[in-house]
Amino acid sequence: MTQLTTKLKAERIQERLKAERIQDRLKAERIQERLAALPGWQAVRGDAALARQTELPTVRAAGLLANLAAELGAAAGVDPVVRLDGRRVTVTVATAGDGLSDLDFEVAELLSLSPREPG
């Protein structure tokens, strides 16, 4: 994914967040449906956050994913928790509130696209 594509997608998320300041929290059934389409992600903290652990081919790729999580999080009003352990990255995503929203899943979908090293 190029930086321009990432920026455009982050801008789309930011616009949506502004338009929907008060977000509808998803019901348990809808959370399970959305999770089924996101391999590797799981609901944590009583369905208040999404988490995924990924092992990437290199430490550099892991760092790129951590940076992407930070950029997307800032654009979407999400404070992702990112833990790096060599090539292994654990990302936890949650927007403010008492449950998961479609926005949480959109951010997770973008983070599911593994960064590739340039060149």
N, C-alpha and C. Protein backbone atom coordinates (compact mmCIF):
# COMPACT_ATOMS: atom_id res chain seq x y z
N MET A 1 0.86 -1.16 0.00
CA MET A 1 0.00 0.00 0.00
C MET A 1 0.91 1.23 0.00
N THR A 2 0.65 2.15 -0.91
CA THR A 2 1.48 3.34 -0.99
C THR A 2 1.09 4.33 0.10
N GLN A 3 1.98 5.29 0.34
CA GLN A 3 1.68 6.30 1.35
C GLN A 3 0.47 7.13 0.95
N LEU A 4 0.32 7.42 -0.36
CA LEU A 4 -0.82 8.19 -0.82
C LEU A 4 -2.12 7.44 -0.58
N THR A 5 -2.14 6.15 -0.89
CA THR A 5 -3.33 5.34 -0.66
C THR A 5 -3.66 5.31 0.82
N THR A 6 -2.65 5.11 1.65
CA THR A 6 -2.86 5.10 3.11
C THR A 6 -3.43 6.43 3.57
N LYS A 7 -2.88 7.53 3.06
CA LYS A 7 -3.33 8.86 3.46
C LYS A 7 -4.78 9.09 3.04
N LEU A 8 -5.12 8.68 1.82
CA LEU A 8 -6.49 8.86 1.34
C LEU A 8 -7.48 8.05 2.17
N LYS A 9 -7.11 6.83 2.51
CA LYS A 9 -7.99 6.00 3.33
C LYS A 9 -8.12 6.57 4.74
N ALA A 10 -7.03 7.08 5.27
CA ALA A 10 -7.07 7.69 6.60
C ALA A 10 -7.95 8.93 6.58
N GLU A 11 -7.88 9.71 5.51
CA GLU A 11 -8.73 10.90 5.39
C GLU A 11 -10.20 10.51 5.32
N ARG A 12 -10.50 9.40 4.62
CA ARG A 12 -11.88 8.93 4.54
C ARG A 12 -12.40 8.55 5.93
N ILE A 13 -11.57 7.89 6.69
CA ILE A 13 -11.97 7.51 8.05
C ILE A 13 -12.18 8.75 8.89
N GLN A 14 -11.29 9.73 8.76
CA GLN A 14 -11.40 10.96 9.54
C GLN A 14 -12.70 11.70 9.21
N GLU A 15 -13.05 11.78 7.92
CA GLU A 15 -14.29 12.43 7.52
C GLU A 15 -15.50 11.71 8.12
N ARG A 16 -15.45 10.39 8.08
CA ARG A 16 -16.57 9.63 8.64
C ARG A 16 -16.68 9.85 10.14
N LEU A 17 -15.56 9.90 10.82
CA LEU A 17 -15.58 10.12 12.27
C LEU A 17 -16.20 11.47 12.59
N LYS A 18 -15.83 12.51 11.84
CA LYS A 18 -16.41 13.83 12.06
C LYS A 18 -17.91 13.82 11.83
N ALA A 19 -18.35 13.09 10.81
CA ALA A 19 -19.77 13.04 10.46
C ALA A 19 -20.58 12.24 11.48
N GLU A 20 -19.93 11.32 12.16
CA GLU A 20 -20.65 10.44 13.09
C GLU A 20 -19.99 10.47 14.46
N ARG A 21 -19.95 11.61 15.09
CA ARG A 21 -19.31 11.74 16.39
C ARG A 21 -19.86 10.76 17.41
N ILE A 22 -21.16 10.58 17.41
CA ILE A 22 -21.77 9.61 18.32
C ILE A 22 -22.01 8.36 17.49
N GLN A 23 -21.28 7.33 17.78
CA GLN A 23 -21.34 6.13 16.96
C GLN A 23 -22.26 5.08 17.57
N ASP A 24 -22.93 4.38 16.69
CA ASP A 24 -23.76 3.27 17.14
C ASP A 24 -22.85 2.10 17.50
N ARG A 25 -23.01 1.61 18.69
CA ARG A 25 -22.24 0.45 19.12
C ARG A 25 -22.88 -0.80 18.54
N LEU A 26 -22.05 -1.72 18.11
CA LEU A 26 -22.54 -2.93 17.47
C LEU A 26 -23.00 -3.95 18.50
N LYS A 27 -24.02 -4.69 18.14
CA LYS A 27 -24.50 -5.78 18.98
C LYS A 27 -23.61 -6.99 18.79
N ALA A 28 -23.65 -7.92 19.73
CA ALA A 28 -22.77 -9.09 19.73
C ALA A 28 -22.85 -9.88 18.43
N GLU A 29 -24.05 -10.03 17.88
CA GLU A 29 -24.20 -10.79 16.63
C GLU A 29 -23.46 -10.12 15.48
N ARG A 30 -23.59 -8.80 15.40
CA ARG A 30 -22.92 -8.05 14.34
C ARG A 30 -21.40 -8.08 14.52
N ILE A 31 -20.94 -8.04 15.74
CA ILE A 31 -19.50 -8.14 16.02
C ILE A 31 -18.97 -9.46 15.50
N GLN A 32 -19.70 -10.54 15.76
CA GLN A 32 -19.25 -11.86 15.30
C GLN A 32 -19.23 -11.93 13.77
N GLU A 33 -20.23 -11.32 13.12
CA GLU A 33 -20.26 -11.29 11.65
C GLU A 33 -19.04 -10.55 11.11
N ARG A 34 -18.75 -9.40 11.69
CA ARG A 34 -17.62 -8.60 11.22
C ARG A 34 -16.30 -9.31 11.49
N LEU A 35 -16.18 -9.97 12.65
CA LEU A 35 -14.96 -10.70 12.97
C LEU A 35 -14.70 -11.84 12.00
N ALA A 36 -15.77 -12.47 11.53
CA ALA A 36 -15.63 -13.59 10.60
C ALA A 36 -14.94 -13.14 9.31
N ALA A 37 -15.07 -11.86 8.97
CA ALA A 37 -14.45 -11.32 7.76
C ALA A 37 -13.05 -10.77 8.02
N LEU A 38 -12.58 -10.85 9.25
CA LEU A 38 -11.26 -10.32 9.62
C LEU A 38 -10.41 -11.41 10.26
N PRO A 39 -9.82 -12.29 9.46
CA PRO A 39 -9.01 -13.37 10.03
C PRO A 39 -7.90 -12.83 10.93
N GLY A 40 -7.75 -13.48 12.07
CA GLY A 40 -6.68 -13.12 12.99
C GLY A 40 -7.08 -12.10 14.04
N TRP A 41 -8.16 -11.37 13.83
CA TRP A 41 -8.61 -10.37 14.80
C TRP A 41 -9.58 -11.03 15.78
N GLN A 42 -9.57 -10.51 17.01
CA GLN A 42 -10.52 -10.99 18.01
C GLN A 42 -11.03 -9.82 18.84
N ALA A 43 -12.23 -9.96 19.36
CA ALA A 43 -12.77 -8.96 20.26
C ALA A 43 -12.17 -9.21 21.64
N VAL A 44 -11.75 -8.14 22.30
CA VAL A 44 -11.15 -8.23 23.63
C VAL A 44 -11.79 -7.17 24.53
N ARG A 45 -11.46 -7.24 25.80
CA ARG A 45 -11.98 -6.30 26.79
C ARG A 45 -13.50 -6.23 26.78
N GLY A 46 -14.14 -7.39 26.75
CA GLY A 46 -15.60 -7.43 26.78
C GLY A 46 -16.23 -6.80 25.56
N ASP A 47 -15.70 -7.07 24.38
CA ASP A 47 -16.17 -6.53 23.11
C ASP A 47 -16.01 -5.00 23.02
N ALA A 48 -15.02 -4.44 23.72
CA ALA A 48 -14.78 -3.00 23.66
C ALA A 48 -13.59 -2.66 22.77
N ALA A 49 -12.84 -3.68 22.30
CA ALA A 49 -11.66 -3.44 21.47
C ALA A 49 -11.43 -4.64 20.56
N LEU A 50 -10.62 -4.41 19.53
CA LEU A 50 -10.19 -5.47 18.63
C LEU A 50 -8.69 -5.64 18.77
N ALA A 51 -8.22 -6.87 18.69
CA ALA A 51 -6.78 -7.12 18.80
C ALA A 51 -6.35 -8.17 17.78
N ARG A 52 -5.11 -8.02 17.33
CA ARG A 52 -4.54 -8.98 16.38
C ARG A 52 -3.04 -9.05 16.59
N GLN A 53 -2.52 -10.27 16.57
CA GLN A 53 -1.08 -10.46 16.62
C GLN A 53 -0.64 -11.00 15.26
N THR A 54 0.39 -10.38 14.70
CA THR A 54 0.88 -10.74 13.37
C THR A 54 2.38 -10.91 13.43
N GLU A 55 2.89 -11.92 12.74
CA GLU A 55 4.33 -12.07 12.60
C GLU A 55 4.67 -11.74 11.15
N LEU A 56 5.52 -10.75 10.97
CA LEU A 56 5.90 -10.28 9.65
C LEU A 56 7.26 -10.84 9.26
N PRO A 57 7.61 -10.76 7.97
CA PRO A 57 8.86 -11.38 7.51
C PRO A 57 10.13 -10.74 8.06
N THR A 58 10.06 -9.42 8.37
CA THR A 58 11.26 -8.75 8.87
C THR A 58 10.89 -7.77 10.00
N VAL A 59 11.89 -7.39 10.77
CA VAL A 59 11.68 -6.39 11.82
C VAL A 59 11.28 -5.06 11.19
N ARG A 60 11.84 -4.76 10.04
CA ARG A 60 11.51 -3.50 9.34
C ARG A 60 10.03 -3.48 8.97
N ALA A 61 9.51 -4.58 8.44
CA ALA A 61 8.09 -4.66 8.10
C ALA A 61 7.22 -4.50 9.35
N ALA A 62 7.66 -5.06 10.47
CA ALA A 62 6.93 -4.90 11.72
C ALA A 62 6.88 -3.42 12.12
N GLY A 63 7.98 -2.73 11.96
CA GLY A 63 8.02 -1.29 12.26
C GLY A 63 7.09 -0.50 11.35
N LEU A 64 7.03 -0.89 10.07
CA LEU A 64 6.12 -0.22 9.14
C LEU A 64 4.66 -0.39 9.57
N LEU A 65 4.32 -1.59 10.02
CA LEU A 65 2.96 -1.83 10.49
C LEU A 65 2.66 -0.99 11.73
N ALA A 66 3.61 -0.88 12.63
CA ALA A 66 3.43 -0.06 13.84
C ALA A 66 3.21 1.40 13.46
N ASN A 67 3.99 1.91 12.50
CA ASN A 67 3.82 3.29 12.05
C ASN A 67 2.46 3.49 11.37
N LEU A 68 2.05 2.52 10.56
CA LEU A 68 0.75 2.60 9.90
C LEU A 68 -0.37 2.63 10.93
N ALA A 69 -0.26 1.81 11.95
CA ALA A 69 -1.28 1.80 13.01
C ALA A 69 -1.37 3.16 13.68
N ALA A 70 -0.23 3.79 13.93
CA ALA A 70 -0.22 5.11 14.56
C ALA A 70 -0.86 6.16 13.65
N GLU A 71 -0.53 6.14 12.35
CA GLU A 71 -1.08 7.12 11.41
C GLU A 71 -2.59 6.95 11.25
N LEU A 72 -3.03 5.72 11.05
CA LEU A 72 -4.47 5.48 10.90
C LEU A 72 -5.22 5.80 12.19
N GLY A 73 -4.61 5.46 13.30
CA GLY A 73 -5.24 5.76 14.58
C GLY A 73 -5.43 7.25 14.78
N ALA A 74 -4.40 8.02 14.48
CA ALA A 74 -4.50 9.47 14.62
C ALA A 74 -5.58 10.05 13.72
N ALA A 75 -5.66 9.56 12.49
CA ALA A 75 -6.65 10.06 11.54
C ALA A 75 -8.08 9.70 11.96
N ALA A 76 -8.24 8.56 12.59
CA ALA A 76 -9.58 8.08 12.94
C ALA A 76 -10.00 8.41 14.37
N GLY A 77 -9.12 9.04 15.12
CA GLY A 77 -9.45 9.33 16.51
C GLY A 77 -9.35 8.11 17.39
N VAL A 78 -8.50 7.20 17.00
CA VAL A 78 -8.30 5.94 17.73
C VAL A 78 -6.88 5.96 18.29
N ASP A 79 -6.71 5.49 19.50
CA ASP A 79 -5.37 5.36 20.06
C ASP A 79 -5.01 3.88 20.09
N PRO A 80 -4.42 3.38 18.99
CA PRO A 80 -4.08 1.95 18.99
C PRO A 80 -2.94 1.67 19.97
N VAL A 81 -3.01 0.51 20.57
CA VAL A 81 -1.91 0.05 21.41
C VAL A 81 -1.11 -0.90 20.54
N VAL A 82 0.17 -0.58 20.36
CA VAL A 82 1.03 -1.39 19.49
C VAL A 82 2.17 -1.95 20.32
N ARG A 83 2.35 -3.26 20.24
CA ARG A 83 3.45 -3.92 20.96
C ARG A 83 4.32 -4.63 19.93
N LEU A 84 5.60 -4.27 19.91
CA LEU A 84 6.56 -4.89 19.01
C LEU A 84 7.43 -5.87 19.78
N ASP A 85 7.59 -7.04 19.21
CA ASP A 85 8.48 -8.04 19.78
C ASP A 85 9.20 -8.70 18.61
N GLY A 86 10.27 -8.06 18.17
CA GLY A 86 10.98 -8.55 16.99
C GLY A 86 10.10 -8.40 15.76
N ARG A 87 9.81 -9.51 15.09
CA ARG A 87 8.96 -9.50 13.90
C ARG A 87 7.48 -9.61 14.25
N ARG A 88 7.18 -9.81 15.51
CA ARG A 88 5.80 -9.99 15.96
C ARG A 88 5.22 -8.64 16.42
N VAL A 89 4.03 -8.32 15.91
CA VAL A 89 3.36 -7.07 16.25
C VAL A 89 1.97 -7.41 16.79
N THR A 90 1.61 -6.83 17.92
CA THR A 90 0.27 -6.96 18.45
C THR A 90 -0.35 -5.57 18.43
N VAL A 91 -1.51 -5.45 17.78
CA VAL A 91 -2.21 -4.17 17.67
C VAL A 91 -3.58 -4.34 18.33
N THR A 92 -3.93 -3.38 19.18
CA THR A 92 -5.26 -3.33 19.79
C THR A 92 -5.88 -2.00 19.39
N VAL A 93 -7.11 -2.06 18.88
CA VAL A 93 -7.80 -0.88 18.36
C VAL A 93 -9.12 -0.71 19.09
N ALA A 94 -9.41 0.52 19.51
CA ALA A 94 -10.70 0.84 20.12
C ALA A 94 -10.94 2.33 20.02
N THR A 95 -12.10 2.72 19.50
CA THR A 95 -12.49 4.12 19.54
C THR A 95 -13.05 4.39 20.92
N ALA A 96 -13.16 5.65 21.26
CA ALA A 96 -13.71 6.00 22.57
C ALA A 96 -15.15 5.52 22.68
N GLY A 97 -15.51 4.99 23.81
CA GLY A 97 -16.88 4.54 24.02
C GLY A 97 -16.93 3.22 24.73
N ASP A 98 -18.11 2.69 24.79
CA ASP A 98 -18.34 1.46 25.55
C ASP A 98 -18.56 0.24 24.69
N GLY A 99 -18.00 0.20 23.51
CA GLY A 99 -18.18 -0.96 22.67
C GLY A 99 -17.60 -0.73 21.29
N LEU A 100 -17.68 -1.75 20.46
CA LEU A 100 -17.12 -1.68 19.12
C LEU A 100 -18.11 -1.03 18.16
N SER A 101 -17.54 -0.30 17.19
CA SER A 101 -18.34 0.33 16.16
C SER A 101 -17.81 -0.10 14.79
N ASP A 102 -18.53 0.26 13.75
CA ASP A 102 -18.06 -0.03 12.39
C ASP A 102 -16.70 0.62 12.14
N LEU A 103 -16.47 1.78 12.73
CA LEU A 103 -15.19 2.47 12.55
C LEU A 103 -14.03 1.63 13.06
N ASP A 104 -14.21 0.97 14.19
CA ASP A 104 -13.16 0.09 14.73
C ASP A 104 -12.81 -0.98 13.70
N PHE A 105 -13.83 -1.55 13.08
CA PHE A 105 -13.60 -2.60 12.09
C PHE A 105 -12.95 -2.06 10.83
N GLU A 106 -13.30 -0.84 10.43
CA GLU A 106 -12.66 -0.24 9.25
C GLU A 106 -11.17 -0.04 9.48
N VAL A 107 -10.81 0.44 10.66
CA VAL A 107 -9.39 0.61 10.98
C VAL A 107 -8.70 -0.75 10.98
N ALA A 108 -9.33 -1.75 11.57
CA ALA A 108 -8.74 -3.10 11.61
C ALA A 108 -8.57 -3.65 10.19
N GLU A 109 -9.54 -3.41 9.31
CA GLU A 109 -9.42 -3.88 7.93
C GLU A 109 -8.20 -3.26 7.25
N LEU A 110 -8.00 -1.96 7.45
CA LEU A 110 -6.83 -1.31 6.85
C LEU A 110 -5.53 -1.84 7.43
N LEU A 111 -5.53 -2.14 8.70
CA LEU A 111 -4.32 -2.66 9.33
C LEU A 111 -4.05 -4.12 8.96
N SER A 112 -5.06 -4.79 8.41
CA SER A 112 -4.87 -6.17 7.97
C SER A 112 -4.06 -6.26 6.70
N LEU A 113 -3.94 -5.15 6.00
CA LEU A 113 -3.12 -5.11 4.79
C LEU A 113 -1.67 -4.97 5.23
N SER A 114 -0.91 -6.05 5.17
CA SER A 114 0.47 -6.03 5.65
C SER A 114 1.33 -5.11 4.82
N PRO A 115 2.12 -4.28 5.46
CA PRO A 115 3.02 -3.40 4.71
C PRO A 115 4.12 -4.22 4.04
N ARG A 116 4.52 -3.76 2.89
CA ARG A 116 5.62 -4.41 2.18
C ARG A 116 6.81 -3.46 2.20
N GLU A 117 7.98 -4.04 2.30
CA GLU A 117 9.18 -3.22 2.30
C GLU A 117 9.41 -2.67 0.91
N PRO A 118 9.84 -1.40 0.80
CA PRO A 118 10.13 -0.83 -0.50
C PRO A 118 11.29 -1.55 -1.17
N GLY A 119 11.17 -1.63 -2.47
CA GLY A 119 12.25 -2.04 -3.23
C GLY A 119 12.68 -3.33 -3.55
